Amino acid sequence: MPATSPVVLDDAAIPLAHAWRQVLLETPAPALELLSGLATDAPPELAVQFYAALMEDPRASRFLDHDQVRNRLQPAMQRWLVQVLCARAGQVEQLISLQGVIGDVHARVGIPVDLVGRGMRVLLVSLVKLLYARSQDRQIAHAASMCLLHSICIAQEGMTQAYTRAKDRSARADAAYRLFSLVQNVSAERERQRALLLDWENQLLYALASPDSLATIEPLAASEFGLWFIHKGIPSFGQNSETEHLSSLITQTDQLLAQLQAGGVAQTANLMPALRQQLEQIRSLQTMLFERIGELDSGSDPLTNLLNRRFLPTVLRREIELTTSNGTRFAVLLIDLDHFKAINDQHGHETGDRALQHVAATLSQHTRGSDYLFRYGGEEFVVVLVGVTTLQAMVIAENLRKLVSSNPLSLPTGGELALTASIGVAAFDGHPDYQRLMARADAAMYQAKNGGRDQVQLAP
């Protein structure tokens, strides 16, 4: 491997690097040379075997096709094999870091770990056979085989560590996105539910002043607050000890209400203190649960009210899955507001913020409800167009470009600020890694900027 800057490994990867280094240091030089010899001609055929094993599984078709395997993945596998076969003790940190990158890619694509394990098993069997076939010294072949076994297992362990971390992050982001979709404005929802709970309590107090109306008070569980908590609150907050406690408090409150209704006003002095205590605990738990998810407001960009980039991976993964399973199409637009630094420098950051809000409003008004709008960062926006061909995506992008340029921002002084945008378009091409799709859109956007700005470019 070529020399690079020092690699800093995390705590979980350090023991792997130590183990791999020890294996390489303890392996006799002739065995290491035997392994390196395989790197000269074996990788192409071994890469074919690896992906052939994967493609036998019907699940592989969700992530791989034969053109991708032949043109991109097999060459990448060959390079990986050369690196593992030629590994030396001084290279293990770089090698472990590389396995982490591979694991992250596997997680983004969603390739099942057991499929990768199946391919590795096929590789190991073939490699061991080659080692014994090419060496007349059985001891050297055995030492090389043991080194190879440890090296591939350690490499796979490094991939799996990164894969697991990435999948955990994805799962948390997916869950957060579902919750964000359910309760998009947490602060407003919190205040609404507080008001509903208070309204129920006030109705009860008024009913106590008029005994005939006490029977008309519905149970808390059947109130608007109770129904929201049962049908939306629990799915939003999750099944946990706090939601279970709150559910129990609602049940206990309704039991006290039933006793009040059965005993009439005479029971008020005995039961109201307990009932008020229950309601106060419900309020306290409700506040704690909303505070716990309050950070999900960060799923929405506070300046433009568009989604921020936090949930973009979740959306792209889902669209890739839908495209793979249903044959639908989608495309990504990466939109960059031209000369934004000059706008900030000449007119101030407040005007720059208003320009971003103005463009965001234009995009929102002229895209479909099924599309996704993100503020990607700074002066960049992302539009995920669902159910579109490449031609349709280009037409939409050109229309958005014209709308931005034909709708200048009105300035407080009475003048107008002309705005333009450079747009890169990338249609989904079947590659399962969403980062590659975004990289293509980014490259197309920079092509538009380098070509003079205020234009649309399509990624190849």
Protein backbone atom coordinates (compact mmCIF):
# COMPACT_ATOMS: atom_id res chain seq x y z
CA MET A 1 0.00 0.00 0.00
CA PRO A 2 1.27 3.53 -0.72
CA ALA A 3 2.44 5.60 2.23
CA THR A 4 -0.18 7.93 3.67
CA SER A 5 -0.58 10.14 6.70
CA PRO A 6 -0.88 8.38 10.09
CA VAL A 7 -4.26 6.75 10.72
CA VAL A 8 -6.05 7.25 14.04
CA LEU A 9 -8.19 4.25 14.95
CA ASP A 10 -11.07 4.18 17.41
CA ASP A 11 -10.98 2.08 20.57
CA ALA A 12 -12.80 -0.86 18.97
CA ALA A 13 -10.41 -1.02 16.01
CA ILE A 14 -7.15 -0.81 17.95
CA PRO A 15 -7.26 -4.45 19.18
CA LEU A 16 -7.87 -5.60 15.59
CA ALA A 17 -4.82 -3.73 14.37
CA HIS A 18 -2.74 -5.23 17.19
CA ALA A 19 -3.96 -8.74 16.38
CA TRP A 20 -3.28 -8.38 12.65
CA ARG A 21 0.20 -6.98 13.30
CA GLN A 22 1.05 -9.89 15.57
CA VAL A 23 -0.11 -12.42 12.97
CA LEU A 24 2.04 -10.82 10.29
CA LEU A 25 5.08 -10.55 12.56
CA GLU A 26 4.80 -14.21 13.60
CA THR A 27 4.36 -15.51 10.05
CA PRO A 28 7.63 -16.76 8.46
CA ALA A 29 8.95 -14.68 5.60
CA PRO A 30 8.60 -17.54 3.04
CA ALA A 31 4.91 -17.81 3.95
CA LEU A 32 4.42 -14.08 3.45
CA GLU A 33 6.18 -14.33 0.10
CA LEU A 34 3.90 -17.20 -0.88
CA LEU A 35 0.87 -15.03 -0.10
CA SER A 36 2.29 -12.10 -2.03
CA GLY A 37 2.86 -14.41 -4.99
CA LEU A 38 -0.86 -15.11 -5.20
CA ALA A 39 -1.48 -11.38 -5.61
CA THR A 40 0.19 -11.39 -9.02
CA ASP A 41 -2.42 -13.45 -10.86
CA ALA A 42 -5.09 -14.90 -8.55
CA PRO A 43 -7.29 -11.88 -7.68
CA PRO A 44 -9.27 -11.61 -10.97
CA GLU A 45 -10.59 -15.17 -10.80
CA LEU A 46 -11.12 -14.97 -7.04
CA ALA A 47 -13.17 -11.78 -7.43
CA VAL A 48 -15.36 -13.57 -9.95
CA GLN A 49 -15.88 -16.43 -7.48
CA PHE A 50 -16.71 -14.02 -4.65
CA TYR A 51 -19.48 -12.24 -6.53
CA ALA A 52 -20.74 -15.43 -8.11
CA ALA A 53 -21.38 -16.74 -4.60
CA LEU A 54 -23.23 -13.55 -3.69
CA MET A 55 -25.32 -13.43 -6.87
CA GLU A 56 -26.62 -16.95 -6.24
CA ASP A 57 -28.72 -15.52 -3.43
CA PRO A 58 -31.98 -13.88 -4.62
CA ARG A 59 -31.48 -11.06 -2.11
CA ALA A 60 -28.38 -9.89 -3.98
CA SER A 61 -30.47 -8.60 -6.87
CA ARG A 62 -31.73 -5.84 -4.59
CA PHE A 63 -28.23 -4.41 -4.30
CA LEU A 64 -26.22 -5.71 -7.24
CA ASP A 65 -26.55 -6.23 -10.96
CA HIS A 66 -24.16 -7.95 -13.34
CA ASP A 67 -22.91 -4.73 -14.96
CA GLN A 68 -22.03 -3.21 -11.58
CA VAL A 69 -20.28 -6.39 -10.54
CA ARG A 70 -18.28 -6.67 -13.73
CA ASN A 71 -17.37 -3.00 -14.19
CA ARG A 72 -16.91 -1.71 -10.65
CA LEU A 73 -17.14 -4.26 -7.90
CA GLN A 74 -14.88 -7.01 -9.23
CA PRO A 75 -11.98 -4.58 -9.84
CA ALA A 76 -12.48 -3.20 -6.32
CA MET A 77 -12.43 -6.73 -4.89
CA GLN A 78 -9.22 -7.47 -6.79
CA ARG A 79 -7.56 -4.43 -5.24
CA TRP A 80 -8.75 -5.50 -1.78
CA LEU A 81 -7.33 -9.00 -2.27
CA VAL A 82 -3.96 -7.61 -3.34
CA GLN A 83 -3.84 -5.42 -0.24
CA VAL A 84 -4.67 -8.33 2.08
CA LEU A 85 -2.30 -10.80 0.41
CA CYS A 86 0.56 -8.30 0.41
CA ALA A 87 -0.10 -6.95 3.90
CA ARG A 88 2.82 -6.22 6.18
CA ALA A 89 2.96 -5.28 9.85
CA GLY A 90 3.61 -1.59 9.17
CA GLN A 91 0.42 -1.26 7.14
CA VAL A 92 -2.19 -2.65 9.52
CA GLU A 93 -3.58 0.71 10.69
CA GLN A 94 -4.29 1.72 7.11
CA LEU A 95 -5.75 -1.70 6.38
CA ILE A 96 -8.07 -1.61 9.40
CA SER A 97 -9.19 1.89 8.48
CA LEU A 98 -9.97 0.64 4.96
CA GLN A 99 -12.14 -2.16 6.35
CA GLY A 100 -14.13 0.47 8.22
CA VAL A 101 -14.75 2.37 5.00
CA ILE A 102 -15.89 -0.84 3.29
CA GLY A 103 -18.20 -1.65 6.20
CA ASP A 104 -19.76 1.82 5.98
CA VAL A 105 -20.43 1.32 2.27
CA HIS A 106 -21.99 -2.09 2.90
CA ALA A 107 -24.27 -0.50 5.50
CA ARG A 108 -25.33 2.35 3.20
CA VAL A 109 -26.10 -0.12 0.43
CA GLY A 110 -27.74 -2.54 2.85
CA ILE A 111 -25.89 -5.69 1.84
CA PRO A 112 -26.64 -8.39 4.44
CA VAL A 113 -23.61 -9.36 6.51
CA ASP A 114 -24.22 -13.06 5.89
CA LEU A 115 -23.88 -12.54 2.12
CA VAL A 116 -20.47 -10.96 2.60
CA GLY A 117 -19.56 -13.83 4.93
CA ARG A 118 -20.57 -16.33 2.26
CA GLY A 119 -18.30 -14.68 -0.29
CA MET A 120 -15.42 -14.61 2.21
CA ARG A 121 -15.85 -18.32 2.87
CA VAL A 122 -15.59 -19.06 -0.85
CA LEU A 123 -12.48 -16.90 -1.06
CA LEU A 124 -10.80 -18.64 1.85
CA VAL A 125 -11.40 -22.12 0.45
CA SER A 126 -10.04 -21.15 -2.97
CA LEU A 127 -7.05 -19.33 -1.54
CA VAL A 128 -6.02 -22.19 0.74
CA LYS A 129 -6.21 -24.62 -2.18
CA LEU A 130 -4.00 -22.30 -4.23
CA LEU A 131 -1.47 -22.00 -1.41
CA TYR A 132 -1.04 -25.76 -1.09
CA ALA A 133 -0.96 -26.16 -4.86
CA ARG A 134 1.84 -23.62 -5.26
CA SER A 135 4.09 -24.70 -2.41
CA GLN A 136 5.90 -27.99 -2.05
CA ASP A 137 6.69 -27.17 1.56
CA ARG A 138 3.62 -28.14 3.56
CA GLN A 139 4.76 -26.23 6.62
CA ILE A 140 5.11 -22.99 4.65
CA ALA A 141 1.72 -23.57 3.02
CA HIS A 142 0.20 -24.18 6.45
CA ALA A 143 1.78 -21.02 7.91
CA ALA A 144 0.56 -19.00 4.93
CA SER A 145 -2.93 -20.47 5.28
CA MET A 146 -3.10 -19.60 8.98
CA CYS A 147 -1.92 -16.05 8.28
CA LEU A 148 -4.50 -15.74 5.52
CA LEU A 149 -7.27 -17.10 7.74
CA HIS A 150 -6.49 -14.61 10.50
CA SER A 151 -6.07 -11.71 8.06
CA ILE A 152 -9.41 -12.22 6.32
CA CYS A 153 -11.25 -12.85 9.60
CA ILE A 154 -9.77 -9.69 11.15
CA ALA A 155 -10.59 -7.70 8.02
CA GLN A 156 -14.16 -8.99 8.10
CA GLU A 157 -14.42 -8.17 11.79
CA GLY A 158 -13.33 -4.61 11.04
CA MET A 159 -15.98 -4.36 8.31
CA THR A 160 -18.62 -5.74 10.65
CA GLN A 161 -17.75 -3.25 13.40
CA ALA A 162 -18.21 -0.35 11.02
CA TYR A 163 -21.30 -1.95 9.47
CA THR A 164 -22.96 -2.35 12.86
CA ARG A 165 -22.21 1.23 13.90
CA ALA A 166 -23.49 2.58 10.60
CA LYS A 167 -26.65 0.48 10.71
CA ASP A 168 -27.31 1.62 14.29
CA ARG A 169 -26.94 5.25 13.19
CA SER A 170 -29.25 4.61 10.25
CA ALA A 171 -31.82 2.92 12.47
CA ARG A 172 -31.80 5.87 14.87
CA ALA A 173 -32.09 8.33 12.00
CA ASP A 174 -34.92 6.31 10.45
CA ALA A 175 -36.78 6.20 13.74
CA ALA A 176 -36.21 9.91 14.23
CA TYR A 177 -37.51 10.60 10.74
CA ARG A 178 -40.68 8.61 11.40
CA LEU A 179 -41.17 10.56 14.58
CA PHE A 180 -40.35 13.83 12.87
CA SER A 181 -42.90 13.06 10.18
CA LEU A 182 -45.49 12.28 12.85
CA VAL A 183 -44.81 15.30 15.02
CA GLN A 184 -43.10 17.82 12.75
CA ASN A 185 -43.45 20.77 15.14
CA VAL A 186 -42.67 19.39 18.55
CA SER A 187 -43.00 22.71 20.37
CA ALA A 188 -46.44 23.43 18.93
CA GLU A 189 -47.61 19.88 19.62
CA ARG A 190 -46.36 20.05 23.19
CA GLU A 191 -48.33 23.25 23.85
CA ARG A 192 -51.41 21.85 22.17
CA GLN A 193 -51.39 18.72 24.33
CA ARG A 194 -50.78 20.75 27.47
CA ALA A 195 -53.81 22.86 26.60
CA LEU A 196 -55.96 19.79 25.94
CA LEU A 197 -55.04 18.24 29.28
CA LEU A 198 -55.76 21.52 31.08
CA ASP A 199 -59.06 21.82 29.22
CA TRP A 200 -60.12 18.38 30.46
CA GLU A 201 -59.21 19.30 34.03
CA ASN A 202 -61.14 22.58 33.81
CA GLN A 203 -64.20 20.79 32.47
CA LEU A 204 -64.05 18.48 35.48
CA LEU A 205 -63.80 21.42 37.91
CA TYR A 206 -66.76 23.16 36.29
CA ALA A 207 -68.75 19.92 36.42
CA LEU A 208 -68.10 19.58 40.14
CA ALA A 209 -69.82 22.92 40.62
CA SER A 210 -72.87 21.50 38.85
CA PRO A 211 -73.42 17.89 40.02
CA ASP A 212 -75.85 17.10 37.21
CA SER A 213 -73.13 17.63 34.60
CA LEU A 214 -70.49 15.48 36.33
CA ALA A 215 -71.77 12.39 34.55
CA THR A 216 -71.11 14.03 31.18
CA ILE A 217 -67.33 14.20 31.73
CA GLU A 218 -65.70 11.63 29.49
CA PRO A 219 -62.77 9.56 30.75
CA LEU A 220 -59.37 11.09 30.23
CA ALA A 221 -58.45 8.14 27.99
CA ALA A 222 -61.37 9.04 25.70
CA SER A 223 -60.58 12.77 25.65
CA GLU A 224 -58.74 14.41 22.78
CA PHE A 225 -55.57 14.36 24.87
CA GLY A 226 -56.00 10.69 25.77
CA LEU A 227 -56.72 9.64 22.20
CA TRP A 228 -53.67 11.55 20.94
CA PHE A 229 -51.43 9.95 23.54
CA ILE A 230 -52.65 6.42 22.81
CA HIS A 231 -52.64 6.63 19.01
CA LYS A 232 -49.82 9.08 18.32
CA GLY A 233 -47.97 9.84 21.53
CA ILE A 234 -46.94 6.28 22.36
CA PRO A 235 -45.78 5.53 18.79
CA SER A 236 -43.90 8.84 18.83
CA PHE A 237 -42.27 8.54 22.26
CA GLY A 238 -41.83 4.78 22.01
CA GLN A 239 -42.75 1.99 24.41
CA ASN A 240 -40.71 2.76 27.50
CA SER A 241 -41.10 3.04 31.26
CA GLU A 242 -42.24 6.68 31.04
CA THR A 243 -45.02 6.03 28.54
CA GLU A 244 -46.09 2.97 30.50
CA HIS A 245 -46.22 5.07 33.67
CA LEU A 246 -48.20 7.78 31.92
CA SER A 247 -50.66 5.18 30.58
CA SER A 248 -51.06 3.84 34.11
CA LEU A 249 -51.70 7.35 35.46
CA ILE A 250 -54.42 7.91 32.86
CA THR A 251 -56.05 4.64 33.93
CA GLN A 252 -55.84 5.60 37.60
CA THR A 253 -57.26 9.05 36.84
CA ASP A 254 -60.23 7.49 35.08
CA GLN A 255 -60.79 5.17 38.03
CA LEU A 256 -60.91 8.19 40.36
CA LEU A 257 -63.28 9.94 37.94
CA ALA A 258 -65.56 6.91 38.00
CA GLN A 259 -65.61 7.02 41.81
CA LEU A 260 -66.44 10.73 41.71
CA GLN A 261 -69.27 10.13 39.28
CA ALA A 262 -70.59 7.26 41.41
CA GLY A 263 -70.32 9.08 44.75
CA GLY A 264 -71.26 12.56 43.61
CA VAL A 265 -70.12 15.81 45.17
CA ALA A 266 -69.87 14.12 48.57
CA GLN A 267 -66.73 12.33 47.36
CA THR A 268 -65.03 15.51 46.13
CA ALA A 269 -63.09 16.27 49.30
CA ASN A 270 -61.74 12.73 49.48
CA LEU A 271 -60.91 12.18 45.82
CA MET A 272 -59.94 15.54 44.28
CA PRO A 273 -56.51 15.83 45.97
CA ALA A 274 -55.53 12.40 44.61
CA LEU A 275 -56.95 13.22 41.19
CA ARG A 276 -55.05 16.52 41.00
CA GLN A 277 -51.87 14.73 42.03
CA GLN A 278 -52.39 12.25 39.18
CA LEU A 279 -52.89 15.05 36.67
CA GLU A 280 -49.77 16.86 37.90
CA GLN A 281 -47.73 13.68 37.41
CA ILE A 282 -49.18 13.31 33.92
CA ARG A 283 -48.16 16.90 33.11
CA SER A 284 -44.67 16.30 34.45
CA LEU A 285 -44.18 13.11 32.44
CA GLN A 286 -45.64 14.74 29.35
CA THR A 287 -43.17 17.61 29.62
CA MET A 288 -40.23 15.23 30.09
CA LEU A 289 -41.21 13.13 27.06
CA PHE A 290 -41.57 16.17 24.83
CA GLU A 291 -38.25 17.57 26.02
CA ARG A 292 -36.64 14.26 25.16
CA ILE A 293 -37.71 14.53 21.54
CA GLY A 294 -37.41 18.30 21.32
CA GLU A 295 -34.18 17.98 19.40
CA LEU A 296 -36.16 16.53 16.50
CA ASP A 297 -37.12 20.06 15.57
CA SER A 298 -33.58 20.08 14.20
CA GLY A 299 -34.93 17.88 11.44
CA SER A 300 -36.35 21.10 10.04
CA ASP A 301 -34.06 23.93 9.04
CA PRO A 302 -35.06 26.86 11.30
CA LEU A 303 -34.36 29.49 8.63
CA THR A 304 -36.19 28.01 5.65
CA ASN A 305 -38.50 25.43 7.28
CA LEU A 306 -37.27 22.87 4.76
CA LEU A 307 -35.94 19.54 5.90
CA ASN A 308 -32.27 19.68 6.78
CA ARG A 309 -29.71 17.19 5.57
CA ARG A 310 -30.04 15.02 8.70
CA PHE A 311 -32.82 12.97 7.11
CA LEU A 312 -31.51 12.97 3.53
CA PRO A 313 -29.86 9.51 3.87
CA THR A 314 -33.13 8.07 5.19
CA VAL A 315 -35.11 9.48 2.27
CA LEU A 316 -32.57 8.37 -0.34
CA ARG A 317 -32.31 4.86 1.08
CA ARG A 318 -36.07 4.54 1.01
CA GLU A 319 -36.30 5.82 -2.59
CA ILE A 320 -33.57 3.40 -3.67
CA GLU A 321 -35.48 0.54 -2.05
CA LEU A 322 -38.71 1.60 -3.76
CA THR A 323 -36.97 1.93 -7.11
CA THR A 324 -35.36 -1.48 -6.75
CA SER A 325 -38.56 -3.22 -5.71
CA ASN A 326 -41.17 -1.34 -7.78
CA GLY A 327 -39.21 -0.19 -10.80
CA THR A 328 -40.00 3.47 -10.11
CA ARG A 329 -37.53 6.25 -10.89
CA PHE A 330 -36.23 9.25 -9.06
CA ALA A 331 -33.62 11.96 -9.40
CA VAL A 332 -31.74 14.41 -7.21
CA LEU A 333 -31.27 18.12 -7.87
CA LEU A 334 -28.43 19.91 -6.09
CA ILE A 335 -29.13 23.64 -6.25
CA ASP A 336 -26.54 26.27 -5.37
CA LEU A 337 -27.48 29.93 -5.06
CA ASP A 338 -25.00 31.85 -7.22
CA HIS A 339 -22.72 34.55 -5.79
CA PHE A 340 -24.10 34.07 -2.30
CA LYS A 341 -20.92 35.26 -0.59
CA ALA A 342 -21.14 38.50 -2.54
CA ILE A 343 -24.75 38.91 -1.41
CA ASN A 344 -23.69 38.59 2.22
CA ASP A 345 -20.69 40.89 1.75
CA GLN A 346 -22.55 43.63 -0.12
CA HIS A 347 -25.98 43.51 1.49
CA GLY A 348 -25.40 41.87 4.86
CA HIS A 349 -26.21 38.50 6.35
CA GLU A 350 -29.81 39.45 7.05
CA THR A 351 -30.38 39.95 3.32
CA GLY A 352 -28.55 36.70 2.67
CA ASP A 353 -30.94 34.91 5.04
CA ARG A 354 -33.92 36.51 3.30
CA ALA A 355 -32.53 35.38 -0.05
CA LEU A 356 -32.36 31.80 1.20
CA GLN A 357 -35.92 32.03 2.52
CA HIS A 358 -37.06 33.50 -0.79
CA VAL A 359 -35.49 30.68 -2.81
CA ALA A 360 -36.82 28.06 -0.38
CA ALA A 361 -40.33 29.47 -0.78
CA THR A 362 -39.99 29.39 -4.57
CA LEU A 363 -38.89 25.76 -4.48
CA SER A 364 -41.71 24.83 -2.10
CA GLN A 365 -44.36 26.51 -4.24
CA HIS A 366 -43.25 24.88 -7.47
CA THR A 367 -42.49 21.30 -6.49
CA ARG A 368 -44.96 18.52 -5.85
CA GLY A 369 -46.11 17.41 -2.45
CA SER A 370 -44.54 14.01 -3.09
CA ASP A 371 -41.07 15.51 -3.62
CA TYR A 372 -38.61 16.22 -0.81
CA LEU A 373 -36.98 19.60 -0.23
CA PHE A 374 -33.84 19.94 1.90
CA ARG A 375 -31.61 22.78 2.88
CA TYR A 376 -28.35 20.98 2.31
CA GLY A 377 -26.15 23.56 3.98
CA GLY A 378 -25.09 27.15 3.39
CA GLU A 379 -26.61 28.28 0.10
CA GLU A 380 -27.26 24.75 -1.20
CA PHE A 381 -30.61 22.99 -1.53
CA VAL A 382 -31.49 19.44 -2.50
CA VAL A 383 -34.68 18.37 -4.23
CA VAL A 384 -35.50 14.66 -4.42
CA LEU A 385 -37.87 14.23 -7.36
CA VAL A 386 -39.83 10.98 -7.15
CA GLY A 387 -41.38 9.11 -10.05
CA VAL A 388 -39.55 11.05 -12.78
CA THR A 389 -37.51 10.15 -15.84
CA THR A 390 -34.20 11.85 -16.52
CA LEU A 391 -35.88 14.09 -19.10
CA GLN A 392 -38.62 15.08 -16.68
CA ALA A 393 -36.05 15.85 -13.99
CA MET A 394 -34.18 18.11 -16.40
CA VAL A 395 -37.39 19.92 -17.35
CA ILE A 396 -38.28 20.46 -13.69
CA ALA A 397 -34.75 21.65 -12.90
CA GLU A 398 -34.80 24.12 -15.79
CA ASN A 399 -38.19 25.42 -14.70
CA LEU A 400 -36.92 25.94 -11.14
CA ARG A 401 -33.85 27.73 -12.47
CA LYS A 402 -36.03 30.11 -14.49
CA LEU A 403 -38.33 30.71 -11.52
CA VAL A 404 -35.38 31.65 -9.28
CA SER A 405 -33.93 34.03 -11.87
CA SER A 406 -37.30 35.61 -12.69
CA ASN A 407 -38.25 36.27 -9.06
CA PRO A 408 -35.81 38.78 -7.58
CA LEU A 409 -35.76 39.47 -3.87
CA SER A 410 -37.42 42.74 -2.83
CA LEU A 411 -35.12 44.81 -0.64
CA PRO A 412 -36.28 46.97 2.29
CA THR A 413 -34.86 50.00 0.49
CA GLY A 414 -37.30 49.47 -2.36
CA GLY A 415 -34.87 47.95 -4.82
CA GLU A 416 -34.57 44.37 -6.01
CA LEU A 417 -31.80 41.80 -5.73
CA ALA A 418 -31.45 39.51 -8.73
CA LEU A 419 -30.93 35.86 -7.85
CA THR A 420 -29.74 32.94 -9.95
CA ALA A 421 -28.97 29.32 -9.24
CA SER A 422 -26.73 26.60 -10.65
CA ILE A 423 -28.33 23.16 -10.64
CA GLY A 424 -26.83 19.70 -10.94
CA VAL A 425 -29.15 16.85 -11.86
CA ALA A 426 -28.39 13.19 -11.13
CA ALA A 427 -30.90 10.50 -12.05
CA PHE A 428 -30.71 7.29 -10.07
CA ASP A 429 -28.62 4.89 -12.16
CA GLY A 430 -29.07 1.71 -10.16
CA HIS A 431 -26.02 2.06 -7.92
CA PRO A 432 -27.20 1.23 -4.39
CA ASP A 433 -24.93 3.71 -2.57
CA TYR A 434 -26.76 7.01 -2.11
CA GLN A 435 -23.49 8.86 -1.52
CA ARG A 436 -22.46 8.10 -5.07
CA LEU A 437 -25.72 9.62 -6.32
CA MET A 438 -25.07 12.78 -4.31
CA ALA A 439 -21.48 12.93 -5.55
CA ARG A 440 -22.74 12.82 -9.15
CA ALA A 441 -25.22 15.62 -8.47
CA ASP A 442 -22.47 17.64 -6.79
CA ALA A 443 -20.13 17.20 -9.75
CA ALA A 444 -22.89 18.28 -12.16
CA MET A 445 -23.64 21.34 -10.03
CA TYR A 446 -19.99 22.40 -10.09
CA GLN A 447 -19.97 21.87 -13.84
CA ALA A 448 -22.89 24.32 -14.04
CA LYS A 449 -21.02 26.85 -11.90
CA ASN A 450 -17.80 26.47 -13.86
CA GLY A 451 -19.76 26.83 -17.09
CA GLY A 452 -20.92 30.31 -16.20
CA ARG A 453 -23.60 29.74 -13.50
CA ASP A 454 -27.37 30.16 -13.87
CA GLN A 455 -27.69 26.88 -15.74
CA VAL A 456 -28.59 23.21 -15.37
CA GLN A 457 -26.18 20.34 -15.96
CA LEU A 458 -26.94 16.61 -16.05
CA ALA A 459 -24.58 14.13 -14.40
CA PRO A 460 -23.44 11.33 -16.74
